Amino acid sequence: MEGAATVIPTPSASLPRPQQDGPGAVLRFPSATASLAPSVPVTAVPATDTVYLSKKLTTVQDLDSFVHSDTFDTLISFVQRLGSAVHGVKTTDSVLISPVVEKSVKMLEASLQWIDEILPSESISRFGNVAFRTWHARLVENATKDVTELFDAAGCTERTDVKVGELVEYLLHSFGDVQRIDYGTGHETHFAAFMLCGEKLGLYTSADYPAMVTRIFATYLNVMRKLQVTYWLEPAGSHGVWGLDDYHFLIFLWGAGQLVDHKHLTPNSINQRDTVEAMHKDYLYFAGIHFVNQVKTEALPWHSPMLYDISAVKTWQKVFEGLVKMYRAEVLSKQPIMQHFLFGTLLPFTPVSSPSDRESEHAGHGHAHAHGTLPDCCISHIPSVFAAKLEQQKKIPFD
């Protein structure tokens, strides 16, 4: 198995030519459903008998407790370790492939195949295709078996219902919200938590780190890009043009890790389309830029000014370090994202008995919001065209 590279293909390469919704907008692919056979019936996602994980960050005080907790440190440390493990490693390079890594990739590749089998519904909707729920129902049906097989592949005999159950729930929350048909960095963080908990249970080891990024995470990205394009998953609480990507963050963080100390490629290389085209299969960062170029109109400075600004940073080491800081501040420390994060025995939440009155941009109110809402306190409603110009003046943490 060693040397059999799992490469990220171009998800949009064979898609119909999209239509433009507006300047800098995500492009739509209406013809992807117009010529389909009869729609696949949508089935309800079955509830599991036992729930092992739960949401804990319902108030700003809860978030404050989390940000200063061991679990927070464990998450950010794991992200950093994986990024450091792929310094100088291409996505297509030969890396150690353990049996559990091989099984993990096969599990994800099977879910990728389901997308070809479950056609989008003929019911045209601007906000997500309901056939995604059928795909997710199949994920639910197979998750316990698949996770159990990961334990078998790793030779881990000390498995319990709780251990399996927690891993299953992290996996199921990694692919988007089945009701809202959306996806964002919170779901991506759940996949990182899935891999982290796999390490805590002894399924993965530090020797697997390069493969966890270039094989497991790369295949997961492949699944997500195809889900996003096929079923039109909406960005969940998107930062719009002032975010890195409508859906993902870790592709750029770990992708920057791959490029540290590269002799020829610089952060500015992302502005050269020929270079992006040539390098997107070898480096996750360029794969992320390539996808953005494929699905958005206008130039990079217009629709993705943050990515464009980062291209002015001198070295990939500074980009990597800056993205770690940004992930800490803009993902793991943001209530609208982390209020949905799940905790259990592997990643516990321990509230402080007397929450401090630390300064917070969200101080002064509790923060749990109903699913599917766009709370004024958390999400800017400034049109993205204008927000781009406003946000260009903000300092980014890369100095």
Protein backbone atom coordinates (compact mmCIF):
# COMPACT_ATOMS: atom_id res chain seq x y z
CA MET A 1 0.00 0.00 0.00
CA GLU A 2 2.94 2.30 0.64
CA GLY A 3 3.42 4.70 -2.24
CA ALA A 4 -0.18 4.45 -3.46
CA ALA A 5 -0.97 8.12 -3.27
CA THR A 6 -4.44 9.44 -2.70
CA VAL A 7 -4.57 12.55 -4.88
CA ILE A 8 -7.09 15.37 -4.71
CA PRO A 9 -8.71 15.64 -8.12
CA THR A 10 -10.39 18.76 -9.39
CA PRO A 11 -14.02 18.43 -8.23
CA SER A 12 -15.38 20.90 -10.77
CA ALA A 13 -13.37 19.75 -13.79
CA SER A 14 -16.22 17.81 -15.42
CA LEU A 15 -19.13 19.91 -14.22
CA PRO A 16 -21.42 21.96 -16.47
CA ARG A 17 -20.37 25.56 -16.92
CA PRO A 18 -21.81 27.49 -13.95
CA GLN A 19 -23.92 30.62 -13.99
CA GLN A 20 -23.00 33.74 -12.06
CA ASP A 21 -25.18 34.94 -9.19
CA GLY A 22 -23.25 38.18 -8.70
CA PRO A 23 -19.78 39.68 -8.39
CA GLY A 24 -17.54 37.43 -6.33
CA ALA A 25 -20.36 35.00 -5.60
CA VAL A 26 -20.13 31.24 -5.43
CA LEU A 27 -21.17 29.89 -8.80
CA ARG A 28 -24.22 27.68 -9.19
CA PHE A 29 -24.57 24.61 -11.35
CA PRO A 30 -28.30 24.49 -12.22
CA SER A 31 -27.84 22.10 -15.13
CA ALA A 32 -26.46 19.51 -12.71
CA THR A 33 -30.04 18.70 -11.71
CA ALA A 34 -32.00 19.72 -14.77
CA SER A 35 -31.15 16.58 -16.75
CA LEU A 36 -31.51 14.02 -13.98
CA ALA A 37 -33.62 10.91 -13.85
CA PRO A 38 -36.47 10.75 -11.26
CA SER A 39 -35.35 12.06 -7.90
CA VAL A 40 -34.15 9.87 -5.08
CA PRO A 41 -36.65 9.80 -2.20
CA VAL A 42 -35.39 11.61 0.87
CA THR A 43 -35.25 9.49 4.00
CA ALA A 44 -35.09 10.73 7.55
CA VAL A 45 -31.78 10.37 9.33
CA PRO A 46 -32.28 7.70 12.01
CA ALA A 47 -31.48 8.71 15.56
CA THR A 48 -28.97 6.62 17.45
CA ASP A 49 -30.14 4.80 20.56
CA THR A 50 -27.48 6.36 22.74
CA VAL A 51 -26.01 9.85 22.52
CA TYR A 52 -22.42 9.95 23.73
CA LEU A 53 -21.52 13.57 22.96
CA SER A 54 -23.25 16.84 23.75
CA LYS A 55 -22.96 20.59 23.16
CA LYS A 56 -21.70 22.60 26.11
CA LEU A 57 -20.81 26.08 24.88
CA THR A 58 -24.15 27.82 25.28
CA THR A 59 -22.95 31.07 26.88
CA VAL A 60 -19.97 33.39 26.56
CA GLN A 61 -18.83 32.15 29.97
CA ASP A 62 -18.82 28.58 28.63
CA LEU A 63 -16.70 29.68 25.69
CA ASP A 64 -14.33 31.47 28.06
CA SER A 65 -13.95 28.25 30.06
CA PHE A 66 -13.27 26.29 26.89
CA VAL A 67 -10.66 28.72 25.53
CA HIS A 68 -8.69 28.34 28.78
CA SER A 69 -9.12 24.57 29.03
CA ASP A 70 -6.89 21.56 28.44
CA THR A 71 -9.23 20.42 25.65
CA PHE A 72 -8.68 23.68 23.76
CA ASP A 73 -4.91 23.28 24.13
CA THR A 74 -5.14 19.65 23.02
CA LEU A 75 -7.02 20.59 19.85
CA ILE A 76 -4.69 23.40 18.80
CA SER A 77 -1.62 21.31 19.65
CA PHE A 78 -2.90 18.45 17.48
CA VAL A 79 -3.48 20.82 14.56
CA GLN A 80 0.05 22.19 14.94
CA ARG A 81 1.63 18.73 15.18
CA LEU A 82 0.02 17.54 11.98
CA GLY A 83 1.04 20.72 10.18
CA SER A 84 4.64 20.33 11.34
CA ALA A 85 4.65 16.64 10.35
CA VAL A 86 4.09 17.46 6.68
CA HIS A 87 6.83 20.07 6.27
CA GLY A 88 8.33 19.31 2.86
CA VAL A 89 5.84 16.50 2.16
CA LYS A 90 3.79 16.59 -1.05
CA THR A 91 0.27 15.22 -1.13
CA THR A 92 1.48 12.80 -3.80
CA ASP A 93 4.64 11.68 -1.95
CA SER A 94 5.03 8.13 -0.69
CA VAL A 95 4.39 8.03 3.06
CA LEU A 96 3.94 5.29 5.64
CA ILE A 97 0.48 3.73 5.19
CA SER A 98 -0.58 1.75 8.25
CA PRO A 99 -3.54 -0.67 8.12
CA VAL A 100 -5.79 1.78 9.99
CA VAL A 101 -4.86 4.61 7.61
CA GLU A 102 -5.63 2.35 4.66
CA LYS A 103 -9.00 1.42 6.19
CA SER A 104 -9.77 5.08 6.94
CA VAL A 105 -9.15 6.06 3.32
CA LYS A 106 -11.27 3.18 2.02
CA MET A 107 -14.10 4.23 4.35
CA LEU A 108 -14.02 7.76 2.93
CA GLU A 109 -13.68 6.56 -0.66
CA ALA A 110 -16.81 4.44 -0.18
CA SER A 111 -18.73 7.54 0.94
CA LEU A 112 -17.42 9.32 -2.16
CA GLN A 113 -18.87 6.59 -4.35
CA TRP A 114 -22.28 7.04 -2.73
CA ILE A 115 -22.48 10.54 -4.19
CA ASP A 116 -22.42 9.01 -7.69
CA GLU A 117 -25.16 6.59 -6.67
CA ILE A 118 -27.44 9.14 -4.96
CA LEU A 119 -28.40 11.64 -7.64
CA PRO A 120 -29.45 15.17 -6.71
CA SER A 121 -33.17 15.66 -6.38
CA GLU A 122 -35.00 17.20 -9.35
CA SER A 123 -36.54 19.69 -6.95
CA ILE A 124 -34.48 22.78 -7.73
CA SER A 125 -33.58 24.77 -4.64
CA ARG A 126 -31.18 27.65 -4.26
CA PHE A 127 -30.29 26.56 -0.72
CA GLY A 128 -29.09 22.98 -0.84
CA ASN A 129 -30.33 19.81 -2.48
CA VAL A 130 -32.39 17.52 -0.26
CA ALA A 131 -30.72 14.41 -1.68
CA PHE A 132 -27.85 15.23 0.69
CA ARG A 133 -30.06 13.87 3.46
CA THR A 134 -30.24 10.52 1.68
CA TRP A 135 -26.45 10.47 1.41
CA HIS A 136 -26.10 11.34 5.09
CA ALA A 137 -28.59 8.64 6.06
CA ARG A 138 -26.33 6.10 4.38
CA LEU A 139 -23.40 7.54 6.33
CA VAL A 140 -25.35 6.98 9.55
CA GLU A 141 -26.20 3.42 8.55
CA ASN A 142 -22.56 2.49 7.97
CA ALA A 143 -20.76 4.58 10.60
CA THR A 144 -20.74 2.13 13.53
CA LYS A 145 -19.53 -0.74 11.34
CA ASP A 146 -16.87 1.42 9.74
CA VAL A 147 -15.53 2.76 13.03
CA THR A 148 -15.50 -0.73 14.54
CA GLU A 149 -13.42 -1.88 11.58
CA LEU A 150 -10.94 0.92 12.30
CA PHE A 151 -10.41 -0.59 15.76
CA ASP A 152 -9.88 -3.99 14.12
CA ALA A 153 -7.42 -2.56 11.58
CA ALA A 154 -5.41 -0.95 14.38
CA GLY A 155 -5.41 -4.18 16.38
CA CYS A 156 -7.13 -2.37 19.24
CA THR A 157 -9.06 -4.94 21.28
CA GLU A 158 -9.94 -2.68 24.22
CA ARG A 159 -12.90 -1.02 22.58
CA THR A 160 -16.10 -0.12 24.37
CA ASP A 161 -19.47 1.15 23.26
CA VAL A 162 -18.52 4.59 24.57
CA LYS A 163 -15.25 4.71 22.63
CA VAL A 164 -16.90 3.57 19.41
CA GLY A 165 -19.92 5.77 20.02
CA GLU A 166 -17.91 8.95 20.52
CA LEU A 167 -15.85 8.36 17.39
CA VAL A 168 -19.03 7.66 15.41
CA GLU A 169 -20.63 10.91 16.52
CA TYR A 170 -17.56 12.97 15.66
CA LEU A 171 -17.53 11.33 12.23
CA LEU A 172 -21.22 11.95 11.61
CA HIS A 173 -20.87 15.65 12.46
CA SER A 174 -17.92 16.09 10.08
CA PHE A 175 -19.85 16.29 6.82
CA GLY A 176 -22.36 19.06 7.34
CA ASP A 177 -25.76 19.65 8.91
CA VAL A 178 -28.38 17.29 7.55
CA GLN A 179 -31.31 19.63 8.27
CA ARG A 180 -29.83 22.92 7.10
CA ILE A 181 -27.82 21.24 4.30
CA ASP A 182 -24.82 23.39 5.07
CA TYR A 183 -21.16 22.95 5.96
CA GLY A 184 -18.50 25.07 7.60
CA THR A 185 -15.31 25.14 9.63
CA GLY A 186 -17.13 23.74 12.65
CA HIS A 187 -17.81 20.52 10.75
CA GLU A 188 -14.22 20.45 9.54
CA THR A 189 -13.13 20.83 13.18
CA HIS A 190 -15.23 17.81 14.09
CA PHE A 191 -13.23 15.78 11.55
CA ALA A 192 -10.02 17.00 13.15
CA ALA A 193 -11.52 15.92 16.50
CA PHE A 194 -12.33 12.52 14.97
CA MET A 195 -8.67 12.02 14.04
CA LEU A 196 -7.47 13.40 17.39
CA CYS A 197 -9.73 11.04 19.33
CA GLY A 198 -8.54 8.20 17.10
CA GLU A 199 -5.01 8.99 18.26
CA LYS A 200 -6.10 9.21 21.91
CA LEU A 201 -7.62 5.72 21.57
CA GLY A 202 -4.48 4.29 20.00
CA LEU A 203 -5.84 3.87 16.47
CA TYR A 204 -3.38 6.36 14.99
CA THR A 205 0.14 7.14 16.14
CA SER A 206 2.57 9.98 15.46
CA ALA A 207 4.06 7.84 12.68
CA ASP A 208 0.71 8.22 10.90
CA TYR A 209 0.73 12.03 10.96
CA PRO A 210 1.94 12.59 7.38
CA ALA A 211 -0.62 10.11 6.06
CA MET A 212 -3.36 11.59 8.23
CA VAL A 213 -2.91 14.85 6.31
CA THR A 214 -1.96 13.68 2.82
CA ARG A 215 -4.20 10.59 2.68
CA ILE A 216 -7.03 10.71 5.24
CA PHE A 217 -7.67 14.47 5.30
CA ALA A 218 -7.00 14.79 1.56
CA THR A 219 -9.60 12.11 0.83
CA TYR A 220 -12.03 13.76 3.26
CA LEU A 221 -11.56 17.01 1.32
CA ASN A 222 -12.29 15.13 -1.87
CA VAL A 223 -15.57 13.92 -0.39
CA MET A 224 -16.50 17.37 0.89
CA ARG A 225 -15.78 19.17 -2.38
CA LYS A 226 -17.94 16.70 -4.27
CA LEU A 227 -20.73 17.02 -1.68
CA GLN A 228 -20.55 20.81 -1.89
CA VAL A 229 -20.77 20.87 -5.67
CA THR A 230 -23.28 18.01 -6.12
CA TYR A 231 -25.74 18.90 -3.36
CA TRP A 232 -25.02 22.66 -3.16
CA LEU A 233 -24.16 22.65 0.54
CA GLU A 234 -24.49 26.19 1.84
CA PRO A 235 -21.60 27.78 3.75
CA ALA A 236 -22.46 27.53 7.46
CA GLY A 237 -22.13 30.95 9.05
CA SER A 238 -19.70 31.97 6.32
CA HIS A 239 -17.39 34.90 6.87
CA GLY A 240 -17.89 35.61 3.18
CA VAL A 241 -15.15 37.42 1.36
CA TRP A 242 -13.20 38.16 4.54
CA GLY A 243 -12.78 34.49 5.35
CA LEU A 244 -10.21 32.17 3.80
CA ASP A 245 -12.72 29.90 2.11
CA ASP A 246 -16.49 29.51 2.20
CA TYR A 247 -16.13 26.07 3.76
CA HIS A 248 -12.59 25.14 4.87
CA PHE A 249 -9.67 26.37 6.93
CA LEU A 250 -7.40 23.41 7.65
CA ILE A 251 -6.68 22.85 3.96
CA PHE A 252 -4.74 26.12 4.07
CA LEU A 253 -3.19 25.64 7.51
CA TRP A 254 -1.88 22.13 6.84
CA GLY A 255 -1.21 23.12 3.23
CA ALA A 256 1.06 25.92 4.43
CA GLY A 257 2.81 23.35 6.62
CA GLN A 258 3.64 21.31 3.52
CA LEU A 259 5.29 24.34 1.89
CA VAL A 260 7.54 25.48 4.74
CA ASP A 261 11.09 26.01 3.43
CA HIS A 262 10.10 25.25 -0.17
CA LYS A 263 12.96 26.34 -2.41
CA HIS A 264 10.93 27.82 -5.23
CA LEU A 265 7.26 28.29 -4.31
CA THR A 266 6.44 31.38 -2.26
CA PRO A 267 3.14 32.62 -0.79
CA ASN A 268 2.91 34.98 -3.77
CA SER A 269 2.92 31.99 -6.14
CA ILE A 270 -0.83 31.57 -5.57
CA ASN A 271 -1.38 34.60 -7.81
CA GLN A 272 0.12 32.78 -10.79
CA ARG A 273 -2.65 30.65 -12.28
CA ASP A 274 -0.24 28.43 -14.23
CA THR A 275 1.60 27.64 -11.01
CA VAL A 276 -1.65 26.88 -9.19
CA GLU A 277 -2.69 24.57 -12.02
CA ALA A 278 0.64 22.76 -11.92
CA MET A 279 0.89 22.45 -8.12
CA HIS A 280 -2.66 21.80 -6.90
CA LYS A 281 -2.29 18.02 -6.86
CA ASP A 282 0.95 18.19 -4.89
CA TYR A 283 0.06 20.76 -2.22
CA LEU A 284 -3.17 21.27 -0.29
CA TYR A 285 -2.76 25.05 -0.19
CA PHE A 286 -2.68 25.22 -3.97
CA ALA A 287 -5.59 22.75 -4.12
CA GLY A 288 -7.61 25.19 -2.03
CA ILE A 289 -6.72 28.12 -4.30
CA HIS A 290 -7.44 26.02 -7.38
CA PHE A 291 -10.94 25.18 -6.15
CA VAL A 292 -11.67 28.81 -5.31
CA ASN A 293 -10.51 29.86 -8.77
CA GLN A 294 -12.79 27.24 -10.31
CA VAL A 295 -16.00 28.16 -8.51
CA LYS A 296 -15.77 31.93 -8.04
CA THR A 297 -15.80 34.81 -10.45
CA GLU A 298 -13.55 37.84 -10.58
CA ALA A 299 -9.94 37.90 -9.36
CA LEU A 300 -8.63 36.58 -6.04
CA PRO A 301 -8.28 40.07 -4.45
CA TRP A 302 -11.98 40.68 -5.07
CA HIS A 303 -13.65 37.54 -3.76
CA SER A 304 -10.94 36.29 -1.35
CA PRO A 305 -9.01 39.34 -0.10
CA MET A 306 -7.73 37.51 2.98
CA LEU A 307 -6.06 34.84 0.86
CA TYR A 308 -4.70 37.56 -1.38
CA ASP A 309 -3.33 39.51 1.60
CA ILE A 310 -1.63 36.39 2.94
CA SER A 311 0.16 36.02 -0.39
CA ALA A 312 2.21 39.11 0.54
CA VAL A 313 3.70 37.35 3.58
CA LYS A 314 7.38 36.62 2.97
CA THR A 315 7.71 32.99 4.03
CA TRP A 316 5.53 29.89 4.34
CA GLN A 317 6.73 29.50 7.94
CA LYS A 318 5.12 32.84 8.80
CA VAL A 319 1.99 31.84 6.88
CA PHE A 320 1.80 28.57 8.84
CA GLU A 321 2.30 30.28 12.19
CA GLY A 322 -0.19 33.01 11.30
CA LEU A 323 -2.84 30.50 10.25
CA VAL A 324 -2.42 28.61 13.53
CA LYS A 325 -3.08 31.89 15.38
CA MET A 326 -6.01 32.63 13.09
CA TYR A 327 -7.52 29.16 13.59
CA ARG A 328 -7.24 29.63 17.33
CA ALA A 329 -8.91 33.07 17.21
CA GLU A 330 -11.37 32.80 14.31
CA VAL A 331 -12.54 29.19 14.63
CA LEU A 332 -11.88 27.66 18.05
CA SER A 333 -12.63 30.92 19.90
CA LYS A 334 -15.79 31.92 18.02
CA GLN A 335 -19.13 31.28 19.67
CA PRO A 336 -21.20 30.95 16.46
CA ILE A 337 -18.91 28.09 15.40
CA MET A 338 -18.04 26.39 18.68
CA GLN A 339 -21.54 26.50 20.18
CA HIS A 340 -22.18 23.42 18.02
CA PHE A 341 -19.00 21.58 19.02
CA LEU A 342 -19.50 18.25 20.79
CA PHE A 343 -17.80 17.12 24.01
CA GLY A 344 -17.51 13.73 25.67
CA THR A 345 -15.06 11.66 27.67
CA LEU A 346 -12.24 11.94 25.11
CA LEU A 347 -12.58 15.71 24.70
CA PRO A 348 -14.23 16.83 27.95
CA PHE A 349 -15.66 20.21 28.87
CA THR A 350 -15.14 21.43 32.43
CA PRO A 351 -16.85 24.72 33.25
CA VAL A 352 -15.17 27.01 35.76
CA SER A 353 -17.12 27.56 38.96
CA SER A 354 -16.68 31.34 38.90
CA PRO A 355 -16.38 32.61 35.35
CA SER A 356 -14.18 35.67 34.98
CA ASP A 357 -15.36 38.87 33.41
CA ARG A 358 -12.73 38.83 30.68
CA GLU A 359 -13.24 41.29 27.90
CA SER A 360 -15.02 39.73 24.96
CA GLU A 361 -16.46 40.95 21.71
CA HIS A 362 -19.55 39.00 22.66
CA ALA A 363 -19.71 40.00 26.33
CA GLY A 364 -23.03 40.97 27.80
CA HIS A 365 -25.32 38.25 26.54
CA GLY A 366 -25.79 34.50 26.43
CA HIS A 367 -25.08 33.05 23.06
CA ALA A 368 -27.07 29.99 22.10
CA HIS A 369 -28.89 30.57 18.82
CA ALA A 370 -31.46 28.50 17.05
CA HIS A 371 -30.21 26.43 14.14
CA GLY A 372 -30.68 28.05 10.78
CA THR A 373 -30.70 31.62 12.08
CA LEU A 374 -28.37 34.49 11.24
CA PRO A 375 -28.01 36.33 14.58
CA ASP A 376 -27.29 40.04 14.25
CA CYS A 377 -24.87 39.86 17.17
CA CYS A 378 -22.54 37.44 15.44
CA ILE A 379 -22.79 37.65 11.68
CA SER A 380 -22.29 40.78 9.66
CA HIS A 381 -25.01 41.58 7.15
CA ILE A 382 -22.87 44.06 5.22
CA PRO A 383 -23.03 43.09 1.52
CA SER A 384 -19.85 41.24 0.65
CA VAL A 385 -18.93 43.66 -2.13
CA PHE A 386 -18.59 46.44 0.42
CA ALA A 387 -17.25 44.26 3.20
CA ALA A 388 -14.29 43.34 1.03
CA LYS A 389 -13.12 46.94 0.92
CA LEU A 390 -13.72 47.48 4.63
CA GLU A 391 -11.93 44.33 5.70
CA GLN A 392 -8.86 44.91 3.55
CA GLN A 393 -7.71 47.41 6.15
CA LYS A 394 -7.75 44.87 8.99
CA LYS A 395 -4.40 43.61 10.25
CA ILE A 396 -3.84 39.89 9.82
CA PRO A 397 -1.73 37.86 12.32
CA PHE A 398 1.24 37.07 10.09
CA ASP A 399 3.89 39.46 11.40
